[in-house]
Amino acid sequence: MSFMALVKDDAKLWAPKDMLRNAIQDIEKAKPDETRSAPKAIVIWLDDRNGEYTISFNRAGMRSSEILGLLEVAKVTILRGMGHV
């Protein structure tokens, strides 16, 4: 992982592999009742090379309807964090 990514906590500086390794470390360290130990997860992949916007995803323990609900909640949470809601 880039030292600058750790120091600045700037997600744009993280490589996907580094982000996933960090998430795995968080999961392994989490106590059973903490958010990072949640029994469900999704990873969304974006390939925006060549002027295209291609997505795919991997999921664990989730139905498609749960993914859609999670994305809606995440959208509002992110908008709040940006000061738009």
Protein backbone atom coordinates (compact mmCIF):
# COMPACT_ATOMS: atom_id res chain seq x y z
CA MET A 1 0.00 0.00 0.00
CA SER A 2 1.17 3.48 -0.76
CA PHE A 3 2.58 5.31 2.24
CA MET A 4 0.82 8.46 1.06
CA ALA A 5 -2.51 6.62 0.94
CA LEU A 6 -2.08 5.74 4.61
CA VAL A 7 -0.92 9.19 5.63
CA LYS A 8 -3.51 11.16 3.69
CA ASP A 9 -6.28 8.55 3.93
CA ASP A 10 -7.06 9.31 0.29
CA ALA A 11 -8.94 6.47 -1.36
CA LYS A 12 -7.80 7.60 -4.81
CA LEU A 13 -4.25 6.66 -3.87
CA TRP A 14 -5.15 3.08 -2.87
CA ALA A 15 -4.86 0.22 -5.34
CA PRO A 16 -7.80 -2.23 -5.31
CA LYS A 17 -5.61 -5.05 -3.95
CA ASP A 18 -4.44 -2.82 -1.09
CA MET A 19 -8.02 -1.83 -0.24
CA LEU A 20 -9.10 -5.48 -0.20
CA ARG A 21 -6.14 -6.52 1.95
CA ASN A 22 -6.97 -3.75 4.39
CA ALA A 23 -10.64 -4.81 4.48
CA ILE A 24 -9.62 -8.42 5.16
CA GLN A 25 -7.37 -7.27 8.00
CA ASP A 26 -10.26 -5.26 9.46
CA ILE A 27 -12.57 -8.28 9.23
CA GLU A 28 -10.02 -10.57 10.88
CA LYS A 29 -9.44 -8.10 13.75
CA ALA A 30 -13.13 -7.32 14.33
CA LYS A 31 -15.02 -8.64 17.32
CA PRO A 32 -18.19 -10.62 16.48
CA ASP A 33 -20.51 -7.68 17.22
CA GLU A 34 -18.60 -5.07 15.22
CA THR A 35 -19.64 -3.83 11.79
CA ARG A 36 -16.55 -5.20 10.06
CA SER A 37 -17.47 -8.71 11.17
CA ALA A 38 -20.84 -8.51 9.35
CA PRO A 39 -21.96 -11.76 7.71
CA LYS A 40 -22.72 -10.10 4.37
CA ALA A 41 -20.59 -8.14 1.95
CA ILE A 42 -20.36 -6.86 -1.60
CA VAL A 43 -17.42 -5.63 -3.66
CA ILE A 44 -18.26 -3.53 -6.72
CA TRP A 45 -15.71 -3.38 -9.50
CA LEU A 46 -15.48 -0.44 -11.92
CA ASP A 47 -13.52 -0.49 -15.16
CA ASP A 48 -13.62 2.98 -16.66
CA ARG A 49 -10.75 2.50 -19.05
CA ASN A 50 -11.21 3.24 -22.72
CA GLY A 51 -14.03 5.68 -21.99
CA GLU A 52 -16.41 2.91 -20.92
CA TYR A 53 -18.15 2.41 -17.58
CA THR A 54 -18.24 -1.33 -16.93
CA ILE A 55 -19.21 -2.74 -13.53
CA SER A 56 -19.25 -6.17 -11.96
CA PHE A 57 -19.56 -7.38 -8.40
CA ASN A 58 -18.79 -10.17 -5.98
CA ARG A 59 -21.04 -10.87 -3.02
CA ALA A 60 -21.10 -12.95 0.11
CA GLY A 61 -24.33 -13.96 1.82
CA MET A 62 -26.50 -11.48 -0.09
CA ARG A 63 -29.52 -11.72 -2.34
CA SER A 64 -29.90 -9.26 -5.22
CA SER A 65 -32.70 -7.43 -3.40
CA GLU A 66 -30.41 -6.93 -0.37
CA ILE A 67 -27.70 -5.52 -2.63
CA LEU A 68 -30.13 -2.97 -4.06
CA GLY A 69 -31.27 -1.95 -0.57
CA LEU A 70 -27.70 -1.64 0.63
CA LEU A 71 -26.75 0.52 -2.36
CA GLU A 72 -29.67 2.88 -1.65
CA VAL A 73 -28.69 3.24 2.02
CA ALA A 74 -25.02 3.69 1.06
CA LYS A 75 -26.00 6.37 -1.47
CA VAL A 76 -27.79 8.45 1.19
CA THR A 77 -24.96 7.90 3.67
CA ILE A 78 -22.38 9.07 1.14
CA LEU A 79 -24.48 12.09 0.13
CA ARG A 80 -24.77 13.05 3.81
CA GLY A 81 -21.02 12.72 4.23
CA MET A 82 -20.57 15.04 1.27
CA GLY A 83 -22.99 17.57 2.83
CA HIS A 84 -25.65 17.18 0.12
CA VAL A 85 -28.44 15.80 2.33
